Amino acid sequence: MFTGLVEEVGVVEKLEPLDDAVRIAVRAPKVTEDANPGDSIAVDGVCLTVVNNDGGVFTADVMRETLDRSRLGTYETGSPVNLERALAAGQRMGGHIVQGHVDGVAEVVSRTPSEHWEVVRFTLPGDVRRYVVEKGSIAVNGTSLTVSAVNDGYFEVSLIPTTLRETTAGRLAPGDPVNLEVDIVAKYVENMVRG
């Protein structure tokens, strides 16, 4: 489990194609300080398992299912990625509950700067629309954000300078794909109501 509070922006160092997967190597000095094989690290909101940790670079295997359902299949050497270690017992929950399971991929539609924040609009895939509500939580590339507006075809978030500076959000451009994870509570409630 994660909180959606990005600890570090890492860089993809290597992508090694396997038969039906990819082994990814990410340079990440901070999140690798205490990383061991088997630990979980969220990479742009996707929970990956550390295979190896060597000198500030960790490797993880990404199966075809993950490549097909997230933006991880679009990475190139040098791609910046948001990183977060799994939540340890007793830590503060500053963001919201994030599992690292991508529900859909959206695209950046526009960015509207303001004096003290920036509004970013994203497409809203139809299969996740019912889980996205104004003032609700959503994880975009693993970053816990509050939805500031929602419509049938899009949703918006308002980003403060810290988020723009400390995550990959400040580098996003119209047309860029992003991973989305909706609030897990909404999915459980829907399932219970269905019976």
N, C-alpha and C. Protein backbone atom coordinates (compact mmCIF):
# COMPACT_ATOMS: atom_id res chain seq x y z
N MET A 1 0.84 -1.18 0.00
CA MET A 1 0.00 0.00 0.00
C MET A 1 0.88 1.24 0.00
N PHE A 2 0.40 2.28 -0.67
CA PHE A 2 1.12 3.53 -0.80
C PHE A 2 0.21 4.68 -0.39
N THR A 3 0.77 5.88 -0.34
CA THR A 3 -0.01 7.06 0.03
C THR A 3 -0.19 8.03 -1.13
N GLY A 4 0.57 7.87 -2.20
CA GLY A 4 0.50 8.81 -3.31
C GLY A 4 1.36 10.04 -3.08
N LEU A 5 2.22 10.01 -2.05
CA LEU A 5 3.15 11.10 -1.82
C LEU A 5 4.50 10.71 -2.42
N VAL A 6 4.83 11.30 -3.53
CA VAL A 6 6.04 10.95 -4.27
C VAL A 6 7.27 11.31 -3.45
N GLU A 7 8.18 10.34 -3.30
CA GLU A 7 9.40 10.56 -2.54
C GLU A 7 10.55 11.06 -3.40
N GLU A 8 10.53 10.68 -4.66
CA GLU A 8 11.67 10.98 -5.53
C GLU A 8 11.25 10.82 -6.98
N VAL A 9 11.85 11.64 -7.84
CA VAL A 9 11.70 11.44 -9.29
C VAL A 9 12.97 10.72 -9.74
N GLY A 10 12.79 9.47 -10.19
CA GLY A 10 13.91 8.68 -10.68
C GLY A 10 14.00 8.75 -12.18
N VAL A 11 14.98 8.03 -12.73
CA VAL A 11 15.20 8.01 -14.18
C VAL A 11 15.35 6.57 -14.65
N VAL A 12 14.64 6.22 -15.72
CA VAL A 12 14.78 4.89 -16.30
C VAL A 12 16.17 4.78 -16.92
N GLU A 13 16.95 3.83 -16.43
CA GLU A 13 18.32 3.64 -16.93
C GLU A 13 18.39 2.62 -18.06
N LYS A 14 17.55 1.58 -17.96
CA LYS A 14 17.64 0.50 -18.93
C LYS A 14 16.31 -0.21 -19.03
N LEU A 15 15.98 -0.67 -20.23
CA LEU A 15 14.81 -1.50 -20.48
C LEU A 15 15.28 -2.74 -21.21
N GLU A 16 15.15 -3.89 -20.58
CA GLU A 16 15.61 -5.14 -21.17
C GLU A 16 14.41 -5.98 -21.57
N PRO A 17 14.12 -6.10 -22.87
CA PRO A 17 12.97 -6.90 -23.30
C PRO A 17 13.18 -8.38 -22.97
N LEU A 18 12.13 -9.00 -22.44
CA LEU A 18 12.10 -10.43 -22.18
C LEU A 18 11.02 -11.01 -23.09
N ASP A 19 10.75 -12.31 -23.03
CA ASP A 19 9.77 -12.91 -23.93
C ASP A 19 8.42 -12.22 -23.88
N ASP A 20 7.83 -12.11 -22.71
CA ASP A 20 6.52 -11.49 -22.57
C ASP A 20 6.52 -10.47 -21.43
N ALA A 21 7.67 -9.84 -21.25
CA ALA A 21 7.84 -8.89 -20.15
C ALA A 21 9.00 -7.95 -20.48
N VAL A 22 9.29 -7.05 -19.54
CA VAL A 22 10.43 -6.15 -19.64
C VAL A 22 11.06 -6.08 -18.26
N ARG A 23 12.37 -6.11 -18.19
CA ARG A 23 13.06 -5.82 -16.93
C ARG A 23 13.49 -4.37 -17.02
N ILE A 24 13.05 -3.59 -16.03
CA ILE A 24 13.31 -2.16 -16.00
C ILE A 24 14.34 -1.87 -14.91
N ALA A 25 15.27 -0.99 -15.21
CA ALA A 25 16.26 -0.53 -14.22
C ALA A 25 16.04 0.97 -14.03
N VAL A 26 15.88 1.39 -12.77
CA VAL A 26 15.58 2.78 -12.45
C VAL A 26 16.62 3.32 -11.48
N ARG A 27 17.23 4.45 -11.84
CA ARG A 27 18.16 5.13 -10.93
C ARG A 27 17.34 5.92 -9.93
N ALA A 28 17.55 5.60 -8.64
CA ALA A 28 16.73 6.20 -7.59
C ALA A 28 17.47 6.14 -6.26
N PRO A 29 18.42 7.06 -6.02
CA PRO A 29 19.24 6.99 -4.81
C PRO A 29 18.46 7.01 -3.50
N LYS A 30 17.37 7.76 -3.44
CA LYS A 30 16.64 7.87 -2.18
C LYS A 30 15.83 6.61 -1.86
N VAL A 31 14.99 6.15 -2.80
CA VAL A 31 14.12 5.01 -2.49
C VAL A 31 14.87 3.69 -2.45
N THR A 32 16.11 3.68 -2.91
CA THR A 32 16.89 2.44 -2.84
C THR A 32 17.75 2.35 -1.58
N GLU A 33 17.73 3.41 -0.74
CA GLU A 33 18.55 3.41 0.48
C GLU A 33 18.34 2.16 1.31
N ASP A 34 17.09 1.72 1.43
CA ASP A 34 16.78 0.57 2.26
C ASP A 34 16.02 -0.51 1.49
N ALA A 35 16.07 -0.46 0.15
CA ALA A 35 15.32 -1.41 -0.66
C ALA A 35 16.03 -2.75 -0.75
N ASN A 36 15.25 -3.80 -0.56
CA ASN A 36 15.75 -5.18 -0.67
C ASN A 36 14.93 -5.93 -1.70
N PRO A 37 15.50 -7.01 -2.27
CA PRO A 37 14.70 -7.82 -3.19
C PRO A 37 13.40 -8.26 -2.52
N GLY A 38 12.30 -8.11 -3.26
CA GLY A 38 10.99 -8.45 -2.73
C GLY A 38 10.21 -7.25 -2.23
N ASP A 39 10.89 -6.11 -2.00
CA ASP A 39 10.19 -4.91 -1.56
C ASP A 39 9.38 -4.31 -2.71
N SER A 40 8.37 -3.54 -2.37
CA SER A 40 7.53 -2.88 -3.37
C SER A 40 7.91 -1.41 -3.50
N ILE A 41 8.00 -0.96 -4.75
CA ILE A 41 8.19 0.45 -5.05
C ILE A 41 7.18 0.81 -6.14
N ALA A 42 6.44 1.90 -5.92
CA ALA A 42 5.51 2.38 -6.94
C ALA A 42 6.28 3.22 -7.95
N VAL A 43 6.17 2.83 -9.22
CA VAL A 43 6.81 3.53 -10.32
C VAL A 43 5.70 4.15 -11.16
N ASP A 44 5.57 5.47 -11.09
CA ASP A 44 4.46 6.18 -11.74
C ASP A 44 3.12 5.54 -11.34
N GLY A 45 3.04 5.12 -10.08
CA GLY A 45 1.80 4.58 -9.56
C GLY A 45 1.60 3.11 -9.78
N VAL A 46 2.57 2.41 -10.36
CA VAL A 46 2.47 0.97 -10.59
C VAL A 46 3.34 0.26 -9.56
N CYS A 47 2.74 -0.61 -8.78
CA CYS A 47 3.48 -1.35 -7.76
C CYS A 47 4.36 -2.39 -8.43
N LEU A 48 5.68 -2.22 -8.29
CA LEU A 48 6.64 -3.18 -8.84
C LEU A 48 7.46 -3.78 -7.71
N THR A 49 7.93 -5.01 -7.92
CA THR A 49 8.72 -5.72 -6.92
C THR A 49 10.20 -5.60 -7.27
N VAL A 50 10.98 -5.18 -6.29
CA VAL A 50 12.43 -5.04 -6.49
C VAL A 50 13.04 -6.43 -6.70
N VAL A 51 13.76 -6.59 -7.82
CA VAL A 51 14.50 -7.82 -8.10
C VAL A 51 15.92 -7.69 -7.58
N ASN A 52 16.50 -6.49 -7.78
CA ASN A 52 17.88 -6.25 -7.38
C ASN A 52 18.04 -4.77 -7.07
N ASN A 53 18.96 -4.46 -6.16
CA ASN A 53 19.28 -3.08 -5.81
C ASN A 53 20.80 -2.97 -5.82
N ASP A 54 21.32 -2.18 -6.75
CA ASP A 54 22.77 -2.11 -6.90
C ASP A 54 23.19 -0.66 -7.13
N GLY A 55 23.80 -0.06 -6.12
CA GLY A 55 24.37 1.27 -6.27
C GLY A 55 23.38 2.35 -6.62
N GLY A 56 22.20 2.32 -6.02
CA GLY A 56 21.21 3.36 -6.30
C GLY A 56 20.35 3.09 -7.51
N VAL A 57 20.50 1.92 -8.11
CA VAL A 57 19.67 1.52 -9.25
C VAL A 57 18.96 0.22 -8.88
N PHE A 58 17.61 0.24 -8.96
CA PHE A 58 16.89 -1.01 -8.71
C PHE A 58 16.30 -1.53 -10.01
N THR A 59 16.15 -2.85 -10.06
CA THR A 59 15.53 -3.49 -11.22
C THR A 59 14.23 -4.16 -10.79
N ALA A 60 13.30 -4.24 -11.73
CA ALA A 60 12.02 -4.88 -11.49
C ALA A 60 11.54 -5.49 -12.80
N ASP A 61 10.80 -6.58 -12.70
CA ASP A 61 10.21 -7.22 -13.87
C ASP A 61 8.79 -6.71 -14.07
N VAL A 62 8.48 -6.34 -15.31
CA VAL A 62 7.15 -5.82 -15.64
C VAL A 62 6.53 -6.78 -16.64
N MET A 63 5.44 -7.46 -16.22
CA MET A 63 4.80 -8.44 -17.10
C MET A 63 3.94 -7.78 -18.16
N ARG A 64 3.59 -8.53 -19.18
CA ARG A 64 2.81 -8.04 -20.32
C ARG A 64 1.51 -7.37 -19.86
N GLU A 65 0.82 -7.97 -18.89
CA GLU A 65 -0.43 -7.39 -18.38
C GLU A 65 -0.23 -5.95 -17.92
N THR A 66 0.84 -5.70 -17.20
CA THR A 66 1.12 -4.36 -16.69
C THR A 66 1.49 -3.41 -17.83
N LEU A 67 2.27 -3.89 -18.78
CA LEU A 67 2.64 -3.07 -19.93
C LEU A 67 1.40 -2.67 -20.74
N ASP A 68 0.43 -3.59 -20.86
CA ASP A 68 -0.77 -3.33 -21.63
C ASP A 68 -1.74 -2.38 -20.92
N ARG A 69 -1.74 -2.39 -19.59
CA ARG A 69 -2.74 -1.64 -18.83
C ARG A 69 -2.23 -0.34 -18.23
N SER A 70 -0.97 -0.02 -18.46
CA SER A 70 -0.39 1.20 -17.90
C SER A 70 0.44 1.90 -18.97
N ARG A 71 1.04 3.00 -18.59
CA ARG A 71 1.90 3.71 -19.54
C ARG A 71 3.34 3.21 -19.48
N LEU A 72 3.62 2.19 -18.67
CA LEU A 72 4.98 1.68 -18.56
C LEU A 72 5.53 1.19 -19.90
N GLY A 73 4.66 0.77 -20.79
CA GLY A 73 5.08 0.32 -22.10
C GLY A 73 5.59 1.45 -23.00
N THR A 74 5.42 2.70 -22.59
CA THR A 74 5.87 3.84 -23.40
C THR A 74 7.22 4.38 -22.94
N TYR A 75 7.78 3.81 -21.89
CA TYR A 75 9.04 4.32 -21.35
C TYR A 75 10.19 4.14 -22.33
N GLU A 76 11.14 5.05 -22.20
CA GLU A 76 12.40 4.97 -22.93
C GLU A 76 13.51 5.22 -21.93
N THR A 77 14.73 4.89 -22.30
CA THR A 77 15.87 5.23 -21.45
C THR A 77 15.87 6.75 -21.24
N GLY A 78 15.99 7.16 -19.98
CA GLY A 78 15.98 8.58 -19.65
C GLY A 78 14.63 9.11 -19.20
N SER A 79 13.57 8.30 -19.32
CA SER A 79 12.24 8.76 -18.88
C SER A 79 12.23 9.03 -17.38
N PRO A 80 11.71 10.20 -16.95
CA PRO A 80 11.58 10.46 -15.52
C PRO A 80 10.34 9.75 -14.98
N VAL A 81 10.42 9.23 -13.75
CA VAL A 81 9.31 8.50 -13.15
C VAL A 81 9.14 8.90 -11.68
N ASN A 82 7.89 8.99 -11.24
CA ASN A 82 7.57 9.23 -9.84
C ASN A 82 7.79 7.93 -9.06
N LEU A 83 8.41 8.04 -7.87
CA LEU A 83 8.71 6.86 -7.07
C LEU A 83 8.24 7.03 -5.64
N GLU A 84 7.74 5.94 -5.07
CA GLU A 84 7.34 5.91 -3.67
C GLU A 84 7.54 4.50 -3.13
N ARG A 85 8.18 4.41 -1.97
CA ARG A 85 8.28 3.12 -1.28
C ARG A 85 6.95 2.78 -0.62
N ALA A 86 6.73 1.49 -0.38
CA ALA A 86 5.51 1.06 0.29
C ALA A 86 5.43 1.67 1.68
N LEU A 87 4.21 1.92 2.12
CA LEU A 87 3.95 2.52 3.43
C LEU A 87 4.37 1.55 4.52
N ALA A 88 5.13 2.04 5.50
CA ALA A 88 5.51 1.23 6.65
C ALA A 88 4.51 1.48 7.78
N ALA A 89 4.28 0.46 8.59
CA ALA A 89 3.35 0.60 9.72
C ALA A 89 3.81 1.75 10.61
N GLY A 90 2.86 2.57 11.03
CA GLY A 90 3.16 3.68 11.92
C GLY A 90 3.47 4.99 11.21
N GLN A 91 3.55 4.97 9.86
CA GLN A 91 3.80 6.21 9.13
C GLN A 91 2.52 7.02 9.02
N ARG A 92 2.67 8.32 8.81
CA ARG A 92 1.51 9.18 8.59
C ARG A 92 0.92 8.91 7.21
N MET A 93 -0.40 9.01 7.11
CA MET A 93 -1.10 8.86 5.83
C MET A 93 -1.40 10.25 5.29
N GLY A 94 -0.44 10.86 4.61
CA GLY A 94 -0.62 12.22 4.14
C GLY A 94 -1.43 12.33 2.87
N GLY A 95 -1.46 11.29 2.05
CA GLY A 95 -2.20 11.34 0.80
C GLY A 95 -3.51 10.61 0.94
N HIS A 96 -3.69 9.53 0.17
CA HIS A 96 -4.85 8.65 0.33
C HIS A 96 -4.38 7.22 0.05
N ILE A 97 -5.24 6.26 0.27
CA ILE A 97 -4.86 4.86 0.06
C ILE A 97 -4.67 4.61 -1.44
N VAL A 98 -3.45 4.24 -1.80
CA VAL A 98 -3.09 3.94 -3.19
C VAL A 98 -2.51 2.54 -3.21
N GLN A 99 -3.04 1.68 -4.07
CA GLN A 99 -2.59 0.30 -4.12
C GLN A 99 -1.47 0.04 -5.12
N GLY A 100 -1.33 0.92 -6.09
CA GLY A 100 -0.35 0.65 -7.14
C GLY A 100 -0.92 -0.20 -8.25
N HIS A 101 -2.24 -0.22 -8.37
CA HIS A 101 -2.94 -0.98 -9.41
C HIS A 101 -3.62 0.02 -10.34
N VAL A 102 -3.14 0.12 -11.56
CA VAL A 102 -3.64 1.12 -12.51
C VAL A 102 -5.03 0.73 -13.01
N ASP A 103 -5.95 1.71 -12.95
CA ASP A 103 -7.32 1.49 -13.42
C ASP A 103 -7.53 1.94 -14.85
N GLY A 104 -6.64 2.79 -15.35
CA GLY A 104 -6.78 3.28 -16.71
C GLY A 104 -5.67 4.24 -17.06
N VAL A 105 -5.57 4.53 -18.34
CA VAL A 105 -4.58 5.49 -18.83
C VAL A 105 -5.35 6.65 -19.44
N ALA A 106 -4.96 7.86 -19.06
CA ALA A 106 -5.57 9.09 -19.59
C ALA A 106 -4.50 9.88 -20.32
N GLU A 107 -4.90 10.99 -20.92
CA GLU A 107 -3.95 11.88 -21.57
C GLU A 107 -4.13 13.29 -21.05
N VAL A 108 -3.05 14.04 -21.02
CA VAL A 108 -3.11 15.45 -20.67
C VAL A 108 -3.81 16.18 -21.81
N VAL A 109 -4.82 16.97 -21.47
CA VAL A 109 -5.53 17.76 -22.47
C VAL A 109 -4.96 19.17 -22.52
N SER A 110 -4.81 19.78 -21.33
CA SER A 110 -4.32 21.17 -21.30
C SER A 110 -3.74 21.49 -19.93
N ARG A 111 -2.97 22.58 -19.92
CA ARG A 111 -2.41 23.13 -18.68
C ARG A 111 -2.73 24.62 -18.67
N THR A 112 -3.30 25.09 -17.56
CA THR A 112 -3.64 26.50 -17.44
C THR A 112 -2.94 27.06 -16.22
N PRO A 113 -1.87 27.84 -16.43
CA PRO A 113 -1.14 28.38 -15.28
C PRO A 113 -1.89 29.54 -14.63
N SER A 114 -1.64 29.68 -13.34
CA SER A 114 -2.18 30.79 -12.56
C SER A 114 -1.00 31.35 -11.77
N GLU A 115 -1.24 32.37 -10.99
CA GLU A 115 -0.14 32.96 -10.24
C GLU A 115 0.45 32.00 -9.21
N HIS A 116 -0.41 31.22 -8.55
CA HIS A 116 0.06 30.37 -7.46
C HIS A 116 -0.22 28.89 -7.64
N TRP A 117 -0.82 28.49 -8.73
CA TRP A 117 -1.09 27.08 -9.00
C TRP A 117 -1.30 26.90 -10.49
N GLU A 118 -1.52 25.65 -10.89
CA GLU A 118 -1.76 25.36 -12.30
C GLU A 118 -2.87 24.32 -12.39
N VAL A 119 -3.81 24.55 -13.27
CA VAL A 119 -4.89 23.60 -13.49
C VAL A 119 -4.50 22.72 -14.68
N VAL A 120 -4.54 21.40 -14.45
CA VAL A 120 -4.22 20.45 -15.50
C VAL A 120 -5.48 19.63 -15.79
N ARG A 121 -5.85 19.58 -17.07
CA ARG A 121 -7.02 18.81 -17.50
C ARG A 121 -6.56 17.52 -18.17
N PHE A 122 -7.25 16.43 -17.83
CA PHE A 122 -6.95 15.10 -18.38
C PHE A 122 -8.21 14.52 -19.02
N THR A 123 -8.03 13.67 -20.02
CA THR A 123 -9.17 12.91 -20.53
C THR A 123 -9.64 11.99 -19.41
N LEU A 124 -10.90 11.56 -19.50
CA LEU A 124 -11.46 10.69 -18.47
C LEU A 124 -12.04 9.45 -19.14
N PRO A 125 -11.29 8.33 -19.07
CA PRO A 125 -11.79 7.09 -19.67
C PRO A 125 -13.15 6.71 -19.11
N GLY A 126 -14.06 6.28 -19.99
CA GLY A 126 -15.42 5.96 -19.58
C GLY A 126 -15.53 4.90 -18.50
N ASP A 127 -14.61 3.93 -18.50
CA ASP A 127 -14.73 2.85 -17.53
C ASP A 127 -14.32 3.25 -16.11
N VAL A 128 -13.73 4.42 -15.93
CA VAL A 128 -13.39 4.88 -14.58
C VAL A 128 -14.19 6.13 -14.19
N ARG A 129 -15.00 6.66 -15.11
CA ARG A 129 -15.75 7.90 -14.86
C ARG A 129 -16.57 7.83 -13.58
N ARG A 130 -17.24 6.72 -13.34
CA ARG A 130 -18.15 6.62 -12.20
C ARG A 130 -17.44 6.71 -10.85
N TYR A 131 -16.12 6.53 -10.84
CA TYR A 131 -15.36 6.57 -9.59
C TYR A 131 -14.73 7.93 -9.31
N VAL A 132 -14.84 8.85 -10.26
CA VAL A 132 -14.16 10.14 -10.14
C VAL A 132 -15.19 11.20 -9.76
N VAL A 133 -14.98 11.83 -8.59
CA VAL A 133 -15.90 12.84 -8.11
C VAL A 133 -15.14 14.10 -7.72
N GLU A 134 -15.81 15.24 -7.88
CA GLU A 134 -15.20 16.50 -7.50
C GLU A 134 -14.87 16.48 -6.01
N LYS A 135 -13.67 16.93 -5.67
CA LYS A 135 -13.11 16.95 -4.32
C LYS A 135 -12.73 15.56 -3.81
N GLY A 136 -12.83 14.56 -4.69
CA GLY A 136 -12.39 13.22 -4.34
C GLY A 136 -10.92 13.04 -4.67
N SER A 137 -10.37 11.90 -4.26
CA SER A 137 -8.96 11.60 -4.50
C SER A 137 -8.78 10.78 -5.76
N ILE A 138 -7.66 11.02 -6.45
CA ILE A 138 -7.26 10.22 -7.60
C ILE A 138 -5.73 10.21 -7.62
N ALA A 139 -5.15 9.10 -8.05
CA ALA A 139 -3.70 9.04 -8.21
C ALA A 139 -3.38 9.17 -9.70
N VAL A 140 -2.56 10.16 -10.03
CA VAL A 140 -2.12 10.39 -11.41
C VAL A 140 -0.62 10.15 -11.42
N ASN A 141 -0.19 9.13 -12.15
CA ASN A 141 1.22 8.70 -12.15
C ASN A 141 1.73 8.52 -10.71
N GLY A 142 0.84 7.98 -9.87
CA GLY A 142 1.23 7.67 -8.50
C GLY A 142 1.16 8.82 -7.54
N THR A 143 0.76 9.99 -7.99
CA THR A 143 0.68 11.17 -7.13
C THR A 143 -0.75 11.35 -6.64
N SER A 144 -0.94 11.40 -5.33
CA SER A 144 -2.26 11.61 -4.74
C SER A 144 -2.69 13.05 -5.00
N LEU A 145 -3.82 13.19 -5.72
CA LEU A 145 -4.32 14.52 -6.08
C LEU A 145 -5.81 14.62 -5.77
N THR A 146 -6.28 15.84 -5.64
CA THR A 146 -7.70 16.11 -5.42
C THR A 146 -8.31 16.59 -6.73
N VAL A 147 -9.42 15.99 -7.10
CA VAL A 147 -10.12 16.36 -8.32
C VAL A 147 -10.80 17.72 -8.08
N SER A 148 -10.47 18.71 -8.91
CA SER A 148 -11.06 20.04 -8.73
C SER A 148 -12.26 20.26 -9.65
N ALA A 149 -12.39 19.46 -10.71
CA ALA A 149 -13.55 19.54 -11.61
C ALA A 149 -13.66 18.22 -12.36
N VAL A 150 -14.89 17.85 -12.69
CA VAL A 150 -15.09 16.61 -13.44
C VAL A 150 -16.29 16.79 -14.37
N ASN A 151 -16.17 16.21 -15.58
CA ASN A 151 -17.23 16.24 -16.57
C ASN A 151 -17.21 14.88 -17.24
N ASP A 152 -18.10 14.64 -18.19
CA ASP A 152 -18.16 13.31 -18.80
C ASP A 152 -16.88 12.94 -19.53
N GLY A 153 -16.21 13.91 -20.15
CA GLY A 153 -15.04 13.58 -20.94
C GLY A 153 -13.71 13.95 -20.35
N TYR A 154 -13.72 14.63 -19.18
CA TYR A 154 -12.45 15.07 -18.61
C TYR A 154 -12.57 15.26 -17.10
N PHE A 155 -11.41 15.38 -16.46
CA PHE A 155 -11.35 15.83 -15.08
C PHE A 155 -10.15 16.75 -14.95
N GLU A 156 -10.16 17.58 -13.91
CA GLU A 156 -9.08 18.52 -13.68
C GLU A 156 -8.55 18.39 -12.26
N VAL A 157 -7.27 18.74 -12.12
CA VAL A 157 -6.64 18.86 -10.81
C VAL A 157 -5.94 20.21 -10.78
N SER A 158 -5.85 20.79 -9.59
CA SER A 158 -5.15 22.06 -9.41
C SER A 158 -3.87 21.77 -8.65
N LEU A 159 -2.74 22.08 -9.25
CA LEU A 159 -1.45 21.69 -8.70
C LEU A 159 -0.71 22.88 -8.12
N ILE A 160 -0.20 22.69 -6.89
CA ILE A 160 0.59 23.73 -6.23
C ILE A 160 2.04 23.65 -6.73
N PRO A 161 2.83 24.70 -6.53
CA PRO A 161 4.21 24.69 -7.01
C PRO A 161 5.04 23.50 -6.49
N THR A 162 4.82 23.07 -5.26
CA THR A 162 5.57 21.94 -4.72
C THR A 162 5.33 20.69 -5.54
N THR A 163 4.07 20.41 -5.88
CA THR A 163 3.75 19.23 -6.68
C THR A 163 4.36 19.33 -8.07
N LEU A 164 4.29 20.52 -8.66
CA LEU A 164 4.87 20.72 -9.99
C LEU A 164 6.39 20.53 -9.98
N ARG A 165 7.02 20.91 -8.89
CA ARG A 165 8.48 20.84 -8.78
C ARG A 165 8.98 19.45 -8.35
N GLU A 166 8.27 18.80 -7.43
CA GLU A 166 8.76 17.57 -6.80
C GLU A 166 8.26 16.28 -7.43
N THR A 167 7.43 16.38 -8.47
CA THR A 167 6.94 15.20 -9.18
C THR A 167 7.12 15.43 -10.68
N THR A 168 6.73 14.46 -11.47
CA THR A 168 6.82 14.62 -12.93
C THR A 168 5.69 15.48 -13.48
N ALA A 169 4.75 15.91 -12.64
CA ALA A 169 3.60 16.70 -13.11
C ALA A 169 4.03 17.98 -13.79
N GLY A 170 5.11 18.60 -13.34
CA GLY A 170 5.58 19.83 -13.95
C GLY A 170 6.13 19.66 -15.35
N ARG A 171 6.38 18.42 -15.75
CA ARG A 171 6.95 18.14 -17.08
C ARG A 171 5.91 17.65 -18.08
N LEU A 172 4.68 17.43 -17.62
CA LEU A 172 3.65 16.89 -18.50
C LEU A 172 3.25 17.91 -19.56
N ALA A 173 3.01 17.40 -20.77
CA ALA A 173 2.57 18.25 -21.88
C ALA A 173 1.30 17.65 -22.49
N PRO A 174 0.47 18.48 -23.13
CA PRO A 174 -0.72 17.94 -23.79
C PRO A 174 -0.36 16.75 -24.68
N GLY A 175 -1.16 15.70 -24.55
CA GLY A 175 -0.94 14.47 -25.30
C GLY A 175 -0.18 13.41 -24.53
N ASP A 176 0.50 13.79 -23.45
CA ASP A 176 1.25 12.81 -22.66
C ASP A 176 0.29 11.84 -21.96
N PRO A 177 0.61 10.54 -21.96
CA PRO A 177 -0.21 9.58 -21.23
C PRO A 177 0.14 9.57 -19.75
N VAL A 178 -0.86 9.28 -18.91
CA VAL A 178 -0.65 9.17 -17.47
C VAL A 178 -1.42 7.97 -16.94
N ASN A 179 -0.89 7.35 -15.88
CA ASN A 179 -1.57 6.26 -15.20
C ASN A 179 -2.57 6.83 -14.22
N LEU A 180 -3.76 6.22 -14.16
CA LEU A 180 -4.79 6.63 -13.21
C LEU A 180 -5.10 5.48 -12.26
N GLU A 181 -5.24 5.81 -11.00
CA GLU A 181 -5.80 4.86 -10.04
C GLU A 181 -6.88 5.60 -9.25
N VAL A 182 -8.10 5.08 -9.32
CA VAL A 182 -9.21 5.70 -8.60
C VAL A 182 -9.20 5.24 -7.14
N ASP A 183 -9.99 5.89 -6.33
CA ASP A 183 -10.07 5.57 -4.91
C ASP A 183 -10.66 4.18 -4.72
N ILE A 184 -9.94 3.30 -4.06
CA ILE A 184 -10.36 1.92 -3.85
C ILE A 184 -11.67 1.83 -3.08
N VAL A 185 -11.92 2.78 -2.18
CA VAL A 185 -13.15 2.76 -1.38
C VAL A 185 -14.37 2.80 -2.30
N ALA A 186 -14.33 3.62 -3.35
CA ALA A 186 -15.46 3.72 -4.28
C ALA A 186 -15.73 2.38 -4.95
N LYS A 187 -14.68 1.65 -5.30
CA LYS A 187 -14.87 0.35 -5.96
C LYS A 187 -15.48 -0.67 -5.00
N TYR A 188 -15.06 -0.66 -3.75
CA TYR A 188 -15.64 -1.57 -2.76
C TYR A 188 -17.10 -1.24 -2.50
N VAL A 189 -17.43 0.05 -2.38
CA VAL A 189 -18.81 0.45 -2.14
C VAL A 189 -19.69 0.00 -3.31
N GLU A 190 -19.22 0.23 -4.54
CA GLU A 190 -19.98 -0.20 -5.71
C GLU A 190 -20.22 -1.70 -5.68
N ASN A 191 -19.22 -2.48 -5.34
CA ASN A 191 -19.34 -3.93 -5.30
C ASN A 191 -20.36 -4.37 -4.24
N MET A 192 -20.34 -3.72 -3.07
CA MET A 192 -21.27 -4.09 -2.00
C MET A 192 -22.70 -3.72 -2.37
N VAL A 193 -22.89 -2.57 -3.02
CA VAL A 193 -24.23 -2.14 -3.41
C VAL A 193 -24.82 -3.09 -4.45
N ARG A 194 -23.97 -3.58 -5.34
CA ARG A 194 -24.42 -4.53 -6.36
C ARG A 194 -24.94 -5.83 -5.73
N GLY A 195 -24.35 -6.17 -4.58
CA GLY A 195 -24.75 -7.42 -3.90
C GLY A 195 -24.00 -8.53 -4.50
